[in-house]
Amino acid sequence: RVELGTADFALCPTESIISYRTKS
């Protein structure tokens, strides 16, 4: 939702952030 711009903030585990930083 943050990536799509429909949310300013998301709750997620740290690994989600790593995953978004390292995806294709």
mmCIF file of all heavy atoms, coordinates in Angstrom:
data_MODEL
# 
_entry.id   MODEL 
# 
loop_
_atom_site.group_PDB 
_atom_site.id 
_atom_site.type_symbol 
_atom_site.label_atom_id 
_atom_site.label_alt_id 
_atom_site.label_comp_id 
_atom_site.label_asym_id 
_atom_site.label_entity_id 
_atom_site.label_seq_id 
_atom_site.pdbx_PDB_ins_code 
_atom_site.Cartn_x 
_atom_site.Cartn_y 
_atom_site.Cartn_z 
_atom_site.occupancy 
_atom_site.B_iso_or_equiv 
_atom_site.pdbx_formal_charge 
_atom_site.auth_seq_id 
_atom_site.auth_comp_id 
_atom_site.auth_asym_id 
_atom_site.auth_atom_id 
_atom_site.pdbx_PDB_model_num 
ATOM 1   N N   . ARG A 1 1  ? 0.831  -1.202  0.000   1.00 0.00 ? 1  ARG A N   1 
ATOM 2   C CA  . ARG A 1 1  ? 0.000  0.000   0.000   1.00 0.00 ? 1  ARG A CA  1 
ATOM 3   C C   . ARG A 1 1  ? 0.872  1.261   0.000   1.00 0.00 ? 1  ARG A C   1 
ATOM 4   O O   . ARG A 1 1  ? 0.544  2.255   -0.646  1.00 0.00 ? 1  ARG A O   1 
ATOM 5   C CB  . ARG A 1 1  ? -0.937 -0.010  1.208   1.00 0.00 ? 1  ARG A CB  1 
ATOM 6   C CG  . ARG A 1 1  ? -2.028 -1.066  1.129   1.00 0.00 ? 1  ARG A CG  1 
ATOM 7   C CD  . ARG A 1 1  ? -2.914 -1.056  2.374   1.00 0.00 ? 1  ARG A CD  1 
ATOM 8   N NE  . ARG A 1 1  ? -3.814 -2.189  2.404   1.00 0.00 ? 1  ARG A NE  1 
ATOM 9   C CZ  . ARG A 1 1  ? -5.017 -2.219  1.823   1.00 0.00 ? 1  ARG A CZ  1 
ATOM 10  N NH1 . ARG A 1 1  ? -5.438 -1.155  1.168   1.00 0.00 ? 1  ARG A NH1 1 
ATOM 11  N NH2 . ARG A 1 1  ? -5.762 -3.285  1.896   1.00 0.00 ? 1  ARG A NH2 1 
ATOM 12  N N   . VAL A 1 2  ? 1.992  1.197   0.715   1.00 0.00 ? 2  VAL A N   1 
ATOM 13  C CA  . VAL A 1 2  ? 2.918  2.331   0.689   1.00 0.00 ? 2  VAL A CA  1 
ATOM 14  C C   . VAL A 1 2  ? 3.527  2.473   -0.705  1.00 0.00 ? 2  VAL A C   1 
ATOM 15  O O   . VAL A 1 2  ? 3.622  3.571   -1.254  1.00 0.00 ? 2  VAL A O   1 
ATOM 16  C CB  . VAL A 1 2  ? 4.028  2.162   1.755   1.00 0.00 ? 2  VAL A CB  1 
ATOM 17  C CG1 . VAL A 1 2  ? 5.115  3.213   1.575   1.00 0.00 ? 2  VAL A CG1 1 
ATOM 18  C CG2 . VAL A 1 2  ? 3.426  2.272   3.152   1.00 0.00 ? 2  VAL A CG2 1 
ATOM 19  N N   . GLU A 1 3  ? 3.923  1.353   -1.296  1.00 0.00 ? 3  GLU A N   1 
ATOM 20  C CA  . GLU A 1 3  ? 4.499  1.402   -2.646  1.00 0.00 ? 3  GLU A CA  1 
ATOM 21  C C   . GLU A 1 3  ? 3.506  1.964   -3.654  1.00 0.00 ? 3  GLU A C   1 
ATOM 22  O O   . GLU A 1 3  ? 3.873  2.742   -4.550  1.00 0.00 ? 3  GLU A O   1 
ATOM 23  C CB  . GLU A 1 3  ? 4.947  0.005   -3.078  1.00 0.00 ? 3  GLU A CB  1 
ATOM 24  C CG  . GLU A 1 3  ? 5.640  0.003   -4.434  1.00 0.00 ? 3  GLU A CG  1 
ATOM 25  C CD  . GLU A 1 3  ? 6.078  -1.388  -4.872  1.00 0.00 ? 3  GLU A CD  1 
ATOM 26  O OE1 . GLU A 1 3  ? 5.446  -2.380  -4.456  1.00 0.00 ? 3  GLU A OE1 1 
ATOM 27  O OE2 . GLU A 1 3  ? 7.056  -1.471  -5.642  1.00 0.00 ? 3  GLU A OE2 1 
ATOM 28  N N   . LEU A 1 4  ? 2.243  1.604   -3.494  1.00 0.00 ? 4  LEU A N   1 
ATOM 29  C CA  . LEU A 1 4  ? 1.204  2.079   -4.414  1.00 0.00 ? 4  LEU A CA  1 
ATOM 30  C C   . LEU A 1 4  ? 0.780  3.516   -4.138  1.00 0.00 ? 4  LEU A C   1 
ATOM 31  O O   . LEU A 1 4  ? 0.059  4.117   -4.936  1.00 0.00 ? 4  LEU A O   1 
ATOM 32  C CB  . LEU A 1 4  ? -0.022 1.154   -4.328  1.00 0.00 ? 4  LEU A CB  1 
ATOM 33  C CG  . LEU A 1 4  ? 0.174  -0.279  -4.814  1.00 0.00 ? 4  LEU A CG  1 
ATOM 34  C CD1 . LEU A 1 4  ? -1.057 -1.120  -4.501  1.00 0.00 ? 4  LEU A CD1 1 
ATOM 35  C CD2 . LEU A 1 4  ? 0.485  -0.304  -6.304  1.00 0.00 ? 4  LEU A CD2 1 
ATOM 36  N N   . GLY A 1 5  ? 1.199  4.043   -2.983  1.00 0.00 ? 5  GLY A N   1 
ATOM 37  C CA  . GLY A 1 5  ? 0.839  5.415   -2.641  1.00 0.00 ? 5  GLY A CA  1 
ATOM 38  C C   . GLY A 1 5  ? -0.515 5.560   -1.981  1.00 0.00 ? 5  GLY A C   1 
ATOM 39  O O   . GLY A 1 5  ? -0.999 6.678   -1.791  1.00 0.00 ? 5  GLY A O   1 
ATOM 40  N N   . THR A 1 6  ? -1.126 4.435   -1.578  1.00 0.00 ? 6  THR A N   1 
ATOM 41  C CA  . THR A 1 6  ? -2.435 4.509   -0.913  1.00 0.00 ? 6  THR A CA  1 
ATOM 42  C C   . THR A 1 6  ? -2.299 4.569   0.601   1.00 0.00 ? 6  THR A C   1 
ATOM 43  O O   . THR A 1 6  ? -3.289 4.734   1.304   1.00 0.00 ? 6  THR A O   1 
ATOM 44  C CB  . THR A 1 6  ? -3.316 3.313   -1.302  1.00 0.00 ? 6  THR A CB  1 
ATOM 45  O OG1 . THR A 1 6  ? -2.675 2.094   -0.934  1.00 0.00 ? 6  THR A OG1 1 
ATOM 46  C CG2 . THR A 1 6  ? -3.572 3.305   -2.808  1.00 0.00 ? 6  THR A CG2 1 
ATOM 47  N N   . ALA A 1 7  ? -1.074 4.428   1.114   1.00 0.00 ? 7  ALA A N   1 
ATOM 48  C CA  . ALA A 1 7  ? -0.816 4.565   2.548   1.00 0.00 ? 7  ALA A CA  1 
ATOM 49  C C   . ALA A 1 7  ? 0.477  5.347   2.736   1.00 0.00 ? 7  ALA A C   1 
ATOM 50  O O   . ALA A 1 7  ? 1.428  5.197   1.960   1.00 0.00 ? 7  ALA A O   1 
ATOM 51  C CB  . ALA A 1 7  ? -0.708 3.205   3.228   1.00 0.00 ? 7  ALA A CB  1 
ATOM 52  N N   . ASP A 1 8  ? 0.497  6.200   3.760   1.00 0.00 ? 8  ASP A N   1 
ATOM 53  C CA  . ASP A 1 8  ? 1.724  6.911   4.110   1.00 0.00 ? 8  ASP A CA  1 
ATOM 54  C C   . ASP A 1 8  ? 2.648  6.014   4.919   1.00 0.00 ? 8  ASP A C   1 
ATOM 55  O O   . ASP A 1 8  ? 3.873  6.063   4.747   1.00 0.00 ? 8  ASP A O   1 
ATOM 56  C CB  . ASP A 1 8  ? 1.380  8.157   4.942   1.00 0.00 ? 8  ASP A CB  1 
ATOM 57  C CG  . ASP A 1 8  ? 0.617  9.193   4.158   1.00 0.00 ? 8  ASP A CG  1 
ATOM 58  O OD1 . ASP A 1 8  ? 1.254  9.923   3.376   1.00 0.00 ? 8  ASP A OD1 1 
ATOM 59  O OD2 . ASP A 1 8  ? -0.625 9.266   4.309   1.00 0.00 ? 8  ASP A OD2 1 
ATOM 60  N N   . PHE A 1 9  ? 2.045  5.235   5.800   1.00 0.00 ? 9  PHE A N   1 
ATOM 61  C CA  . PHE A 1 9  ? 2.816  4.370   6.694   1.00 0.00 ? 9  PHE A CA  1 
ATOM 62  C C   . PHE A 1 9  ? 2.246  2.957   6.664   1.00 0.00 ? 9  PHE A C   1 
ATOM 63  O O   . PHE A 1 9  ? 1.032  2.768   6.529   1.00 0.00 ? 9  PHE A O   1 
ATOM 64  C CB  . PHE A 1 9  ? 2.766  4.882   8.136   1.00 0.00 ? 9  PHE A CB  1 
ATOM 65  C CG  . PHE A 1 9  ? 3.390  6.230   8.337   1.00 0.00 ? 9  PHE A CG  1 
ATOM 66  C CD1 . PHE A 1 9  ? 2.603  7.363   8.456   1.00 0.00 ? 9  PHE A CD1 1 
ATOM 67  C CD2 . PHE A 1 9  ? 4.765  6.368   8.403   1.00 0.00 ? 9  PHE A CD2 1 
ATOM 68  C CE1 . PHE A 1 9  ? 3.172  8.617   8.643   1.00 0.00 ? 9  PHE A CE1 1 
ATOM 69  C CE2 . PHE A 1 9  ? 5.349  7.621   8.596   1.00 0.00 ? 9  PHE A CE2 1 
ATOM 70  C CZ  . PHE A 1 9  ? 4.548  8.740   8.712   1.00 0.00 ? 9  PHE A CZ  1 
ATOM 71  N N   . ALA A 1 10 ? 3.145  1.997   6.809   1.00 0.00 ? 10 ALA A N   1 
ATOM 72  C CA  . ALA A 1 10 ? 2.743  0.595   6.923   1.00 0.00 ? 10 ALA A CA  1 
ATOM 73  C C   . ALA A 1 10 ? 3.406  -0.006  8.147   1.00 0.00 ? 10 ALA A C   1 
ATOM 74  O O   . ALA A 1 10 ? 4.528  0.359   8.499   1.00 0.00 ? 10 ALA A O   1 
ATOM 75  C CB  . ALA A 1 10 ? 3.153  -0.191  5.687   1.00 0.00 ? 10 ALA A CB  1 
ATOM 76  N N   . LEU A 1 11 ? 2.710  -0.924  8.791   1.00 0.00 ? 11 LEU A N   1 
ATOM 77  C CA  . LEU A 1 11 ? 3.339  -1.745  9.817   1.00 0.00 ? 11 LEU A CA  1 
ATOM 78  C C   . LEU A 1 11 ? 3.783  -3.039  9.151   1.00 0.00 ? 11 LEU A C   1 
ATOM 79  O O   . LEU A 1 11 ? 3.005  -3.676  8.435   1.00 0.00 ? 11 LEU A O   1 
ATOM 80  C CB  . LEU A 1 11 ? 2.360  -2.057  10.949  1.00 0.00 ? 11 LEU A CB  1 
ATOM 81  C CG  . LEU A 1 11 ? 1.906  -0.892  11.820  1.00 0.00 ? 11 LEU A CG  1 
ATOM 82  C CD1 . LEU A 1 11 ? 1.171  -1.431  13.045  1.00 0.00 ? 11 LEU A CD1 1 
ATOM 83  C CD2 . LEU A 1 11 ? 3.053  -0.015  12.244  1.00 0.00 ? 11 LEU A CD2 1 
ATOM 84  N N   . CYS A 1 12 ? 5.023  -3.411  9.389   1.00 0.00 ? 12 CYS A N   1 
ATOM 85  C CA  . CYS A 1 12 ? 5.564  -4.629  8.800   1.00 0.00 ? 12 CYS A CA  1 
ATOM 86  C C   . CYS A 1 12 ? 6.814  -5.033  9.576   1.00 0.00 ? 12 CYS A C   1 
ATOM 87  O O   . CYS A 1 12 ? 7.382  -4.225  10.307  1.00 0.00 ? 12 CYS A O   1 
ATOM 88  C CB  . CYS A 1 12 ? 5.904  -4.420  7.319   1.00 0.00 ? 12 CYS A CB  1 
ATOM 89  S SG  . CYS A 1 12 ? 7.178  -3.172  7.022   1.00 0.00 ? 12 CYS A SG  1 
ATOM 90  N N   . PRO A 1 13 ? 7.258  -6.273  9.422   1.00 0.00 ? 13 PRO A N   1 
ATOM 91  C CA  . PRO A 1 13 ? 8.525  -6.676  10.046  1.00 0.00 ? 13 PRO A CA  1 
ATOM 92  C C   . PRO A 1 13 ? 9.701  -6.110  9.264   1.00 0.00 ? 13 PRO A C   1 
ATOM 93  O O   . PRO A 1 13 ? 9.559  -5.740  8.095   1.00 0.00 ? 13 PRO A O   1 
ATOM 94  C CB  . PRO A 1 13 ? 8.483  -8.205  9.967   1.00 0.00 ? 13 PRO A CB  1 
ATOM 95  C CG  . PRO A 1 13 ? 7.615  -8.491  8.790   1.00 0.00 ? 13 PRO A CG  1 
ATOM 96  C CD  . PRO A 1 13 ? 6.585  -7.395  8.748   1.00 0.00 ? 13 PRO A CD  1 
ATOM 97  N N   . THR A 1 14 ? 10.860 -6.065  9.894   1.00 0.00 ? 14 THR A N   1 
ATOM 98  C CA  . THR A 1 14 ? 12.054 -5.541  9.231   1.00 0.00 ? 14 THR A CA  1 
ATOM 99  C C   . THR A 1 14 ? 12.340 -6.269  7.926   1.00 0.00 ? 14 THR A C   1 
ATOM 100 O O   . THR A 1 14 ? 12.777 -5.653  6.943   1.00 0.00 ? 14 THR A O   1 
ATOM 101 C CB  . THR A 1 14 ? 13.279 -5.667  10.162  1.00 0.00 ? 14 THR A CB  1 
ATOM 102 O OG1 . THR A 1 14 ? 13.007 -4.997  11.388  1.00 0.00 ? 14 THR A OG1 1 
ATOM 103 C CG2 . THR A 1 14 ? 14.513 -5.049  9.525   1.00 0.00 ? 14 THR A CG2 1 
ATOM 104 N N   . GLU A 1 15 ? 12.087 -7.580  7.894   1.00 0.00 ? 15 GLU A N   1 
ATOM 105 C CA  . GLU A 1 15 ? 12.427 -8.315  6.681   1.00 0.00 ? 15 GLU A CA  1 
ATOM 106 C C   . GLU A 1 15 ? 11.614 -7.873  5.470   1.00 0.00 ? 15 GLU A C   1 
ATOM 107 O O   . GLU A 1 15 ? 12.056 -8.022  4.327   1.00 0.00 ? 15 GLU A O   1 
ATOM 108 C CB  . GLU A 1 15 ? 12.306 -9.831  6.875   1.00 0.00 ? 15 GLU A CB  1 
ATOM 109 C CG  . GLU A 1 15 ? 10.959 -10.328 7.291   1.00 0.00 ? 15 GLU A CG  1 
ATOM 110 C CD  . GLU A 1 15 ? 10.888 -10.587 8.780   1.00 0.00 ? 15 GLU A CD  1 
ATOM 111 O OE1 . GLU A 1 15 ? 11.448 -9.781  9.546   1.00 0.00 ? 15 GLU A OE1 1 
ATOM 112 O OE2 . GLU A 1 15 ? 10.268 -11.584 9.171   1.00 0.00 ? 15 GLU A OE2 1 
ATOM 113 N N   . SER A 1 16 ? 10.419 -7.306  5.690   1.00 0.00 ? 16 SER A N   1 
ATOM 114 C CA  . SER A 1 16 ? 9.651  -6.773  4.563   1.00 0.00 ? 16 SER A CA  1 
ATOM 115 C C   . SER A 1 16 ? 10.386 -5.600  3.924   1.00 0.00 ? 16 SER A C   1 
ATOM 116 O O   . SER A 1 16 ? 10.388 -5.437  2.698   1.00 0.00 ? 16 SER A O   1 
ATOM 117 C CB  . SER A 1 16 ? 8.268  -6.321  5.024   1.00 0.00 ? 16 SER A CB  1 
ATOM 118 O OG  . SER A 1 16 ? 7.473  -7.421  5.417   1.00 0.00 ? 16 SER A OG  1 
ATOM 119 N N   . ILE A 1 17 ? 11.009 -4.778  4.756   1.00 0.00 ? 17 ILE A N   1 
ATOM 120 C CA  . ILE A 1 17 ? 11.764 -3.641  4.232   1.00 0.00 ? 17 ILE A CA  1 
ATOM 121 C C   . ILE A 1 17 ? 12.954 -4.136  3.421   1.00 0.00 ? 17 ILE A C   1 
ATOM 122 O O   . ILE A 1 17 ? 13.226 -3.651  2.312   1.00 0.00 ? 17 ILE A O   1 
ATOM 123 C CB  . ILE A 1 17 ? 12.220 -2.720  5.379   1.00 0.00 ? 17 ILE A CB  1 
ATOM 124 C CG1 . ILE A 1 17 ? 10.984 -2.106  6.048   1.00 0.00 ? 17 ILE A CG1 1 
ATOM 125 C CG2 . ILE A 1 17 ? 13.173 -1.644  4.880   1.00 0.00 ? 17 ILE A CG2 1 
ATOM 126 C CD1 . ILE A 1 17 ? 11.277 -1.287  7.267   1.00 0.00 ? 17 ILE A CD1 1 
ATOM 127 N N   . ILE A 1 18 ? 13.655 -5.127  3.948   1.00 0.00 ? 18 ILE A N   1 
ATOM 128 C CA  . ILE A 1 18 ? 14.789 -5.705  3.222   1.00 0.00 ? 18 ILE A CA  1 
ATOM 129 C C   . ILE A 1 18 ? 14.313 -6.279  1.888   1.00 0.00 ? 18 ILE A C   1 
ATOM 130 O O   . ILE A 1 18 ? 14.945 -6.093  0.843   1.00 0.00 ? 18 ILE A O   1 
ATOM 131 C CB  . ILE A 1 18 ? 15.466 -6.789  4.067   1.00 0.00 ? 18 ILE A CB  1 
ATOM 132 C CG1 . ILE A 1 18 ? 15.953 -6.202  5.389   1.00 0.00 ? 18 ILE A CG1 1 
ATOM 133 C CG2 . ILE A 1 18 ? 16.623 -7.430  3.298   1.00 0.00 ? 18 ILE A CG2 1 
ATOM 134 C CD1 . ILE A 1 18 ? 16.373 -7.239  6.408   1.00 0.00 ? 18 ILE A CD1 1 
ATOM 135 N N   . SER A 1 19 ? 13.191 -6.965  1.930   1.00 0.00 ? 19 SER A N   1 
ATOM 136 C CA  . SER A 1 19 ? 12.641 -7.586  0.728   1.00 0.00 ? 19 SER A CA  1 
ATOM 137 C C   . SER A 1 19 ? 12.312 -6.548  -0.338  1.00 0.00 ? 19 SER A C   1 
ATOM 138 O O   . SER A 1 19 ? 12.617 -6.723  -1.522  1.00 0.00 ? 19 SER A O   1 
ATOM 139 C CB  . SER A 1 19 ? 11.385 -8.393  1.092   1.00 0.00 ? 19 SER A CB  1 
ATOM 140 O OG  . SER A 1 19 ? 10.832 -8.994  -0.049  1.00 0.00 ? 19 SER A OG  1 
ATOM 141 N N   . TYR A 1 20 ? 11.710 -5.444  0.068   1.00 0.00 ? 20 TYR A N   1 
ATOM 142 C CA  . TYR A 1 20 ? 11.364 -4.390  -0.896  1.00 0.00 ? 20 TYR A CA  1 
ATOM 143 C C   . TYR A 1 20 ? 12.609 -3.707  -1.444  1.00 0.00 ? 20 TYR A C   1 
ATOM 144 O O   . TYR A 1 20 ? 12.644 -3.277  -2.596  1.00 0.00 ? 20 TYR A O   1 
ATOM 145 C CB  . TYR A 1 20 ? 10.429 -3.364  -0.246  1.00 0.00 ? 20 TYR A CB  1 
ATOM 146 C CG  . TYR A 1 20 ? 8.972  -3.715  -0.457  1.00 0.00 ? 20 TYR A CG  1 
ATOM 147 C CD1 . TYR A 1 20 ? 8.371  -4.726  0.285   1.00 0.00 ? 20 TYR A CD1 1 
ATOM 148 C CD2 . TYR A 1 20 ? 8.211  -3.072  -1.427  1.00 0.00 ? 20 TYR A CD2 1 
ATOM 149 C CE1 . TYR A 1 20 ? 7.046  -5.077  0.080   1.00 0.00 ? 20 TYR A CE1 1 
ATOM 150 C CE2 . TYR A 1 20 ? 6.888  -3.414  -1.643  1.00 0.00 ? 20 TYR A CE2 1 
ATOM 151 C CZ  . TYR A 1 20 ? 6.314  -4.424  -0.882  1.00 0.00 ? 20 TYR A CZ  1 
ATOM 152 O OH  . TYR A 1 20 ? 5.000  -4.777  -1.093  1.00 0.00 ? 20 TYR A OH  1 
ATOM 153 N N   . ARG A 1 21 ? 13.647 -3.630  -0.641  1.00 0.00 ? 21 ARG A N   1 
ATOM 154 C CA  . ARG A 1 21 ? 14.888 -2.994  -1.079  1.00 0.00 ? 21 ARG A CA  1 
ATOM 155 C C   . ARG A 1 21 ? 15.673 -3.860  -2.056  1.00 0.00 ? 21 ARG A C   1 
ATOM 156 O O   . ARG A 1 21 ? 16.492 -3.346  -2.828  1.00 0.00 ? 21 ARG A O   1 
ATOM 157 C CB  . ARG A 1 21 ? 15.770 -2.708  0.138   1.00 0.00 ? 21 ARG A CB  1 
ATOM 158 C CG  . ARG A 1 21 ? 15.333 -1.507  0.949   1.00 0.00 ? 21 ARG A CG  1 
ATOM 159 C CD  . ARG A 1 21 ? 15.638 -0.233  0.189   1.00 0.00 ? 21 ARG A CD  1 
ATOM 160 N NE  . ARG A 1 21 ? 15.481 0.960   1.015   1.00 0.00 ? 21 ARG A NE  1 
ATOM 161 C CZ  . ARG A 1 21 ? 15.917 2.164   0.680   1.00 0.00 ? 21 ARG A CZ  1 
ATOM 162 N NH1 . ARG A 1 21 ? 16.540 2.335   -0.462  1.00 0.00 ? 21 ARG A NH1 1 
ATOM 163 N NH2 . ARG A 1 21 ? 15.720 3.196   1.469   1.00 0.00 ? 21 ARG A NH2 1 
ATOM 164 N N   . THR A 1 22 ? 15.446 -5.164  -2.030  1.00 0.00 ? 22 THR A N   1 
ATOM 165 C CA  . THR A 1 22 ? 16.281 -6.081  -2.811  1.00 0.00 ? 22 THR A CA  1 
ATOM 166 C C   . THR A 1 22 ? 15.510 -6.818  -3.908  1.00 0.00 ? 22 THR A C   1 
ATOM 167 O O   . THR A 1 22 ? 16.091 -7.671  -4.581  1.00 0.00 ? 22 THR A O   1 
ATOM 168 C CB  . THR A 1 22 ? 16.935 -7.128  -1.880  1.00 0.00 ? 22 THR A CB  1 
ATOM 169 O OG1 . THR A 1 22 ? 15.913 -7.830  -1.168  1.00 0.00 ? 22 THR A OG1 1 
ATOM 170 C CG2 . THR A 1 22 ? 17.874 -6.455  -0.885  1.00 0.00 ? 22 THR A CG2 1 
ATOM 171 N N   . LYS A 1 23 ? 14.241 -6.501  -4.101  1.00 0.00 ? 23 LYS A N   1 
ATOM 172 C CA  . LYS A 1 23 ? 13.494 -7.186  -5.157  1.00 0.00 ? 23 LYS A CA  1 
ATOM 173 C C   . LYS A 1 23 ? 13.964 -6.704  -6.527  1.00 0.00 ? 23 LYS A C   1 
ATOM 174 O O   . LYS A 1 23 ? 14.742 -5.747  -6.639  1.00 0.00 ? 23 LYS A O   1 
ATOM 175 C CB  . LYS A 1 23 ? 11.995 -6.991  -4.964  1.00 0.00 ? 23 LYS A CB  1 
ATOM 176 C CG  . LYS A 1 23 ? 11.501 -5.562  -5.106  1.00 0.00 ? 23 LYS A CG  1 
ATOM 177 C CD  . LYS A 1 23 ? 9.994  -5.507  -4.917  1.00 0.00 ? 23 LYS A CD  1 
ATOM 178 C CE  . LYS A 1 23 ? 9.458  -4.087  -5.146  1.00 0.00 ? 23 LYS A CE  1 
ATOM 179 N NZ  . LYS A 1 23 ? 8.000  -4.034  -5.160  1.00 0.00 ? 23 LYS A NZ  1 
ATOM 180 N N   . SER A 1 24 ? 13.506 -7.352  -7.575  1.00 0.00 ? 24 SER A N   1 
ATOM 181 C CA  . SER A 1 24 ? 13.995 -7.050  -8.923  1.00 0.00 ? 24 SER A CA  1 
ATOM 182 C C   . SER A 1 24 ? 13.745 -5.591  -9.316  1.00 0.00 ? 24 SER A C   1 
ATOM 183 O O   . SER A 1 24 ? 14.534 -4.992  -10.045 1.00 0.00 ? 24 SER A O   1 
ATOM 184 C CB  . SER A 1 24 ? 13.347 -7.991  -9.945  1.00 0.00 ? 24 SER A CB  1 
ATOM 185 O OG  . SER A 1 24 ? 11.930 -7.901  -9.873  1.00 0.00 ? 24 SER A OG  1 
# 
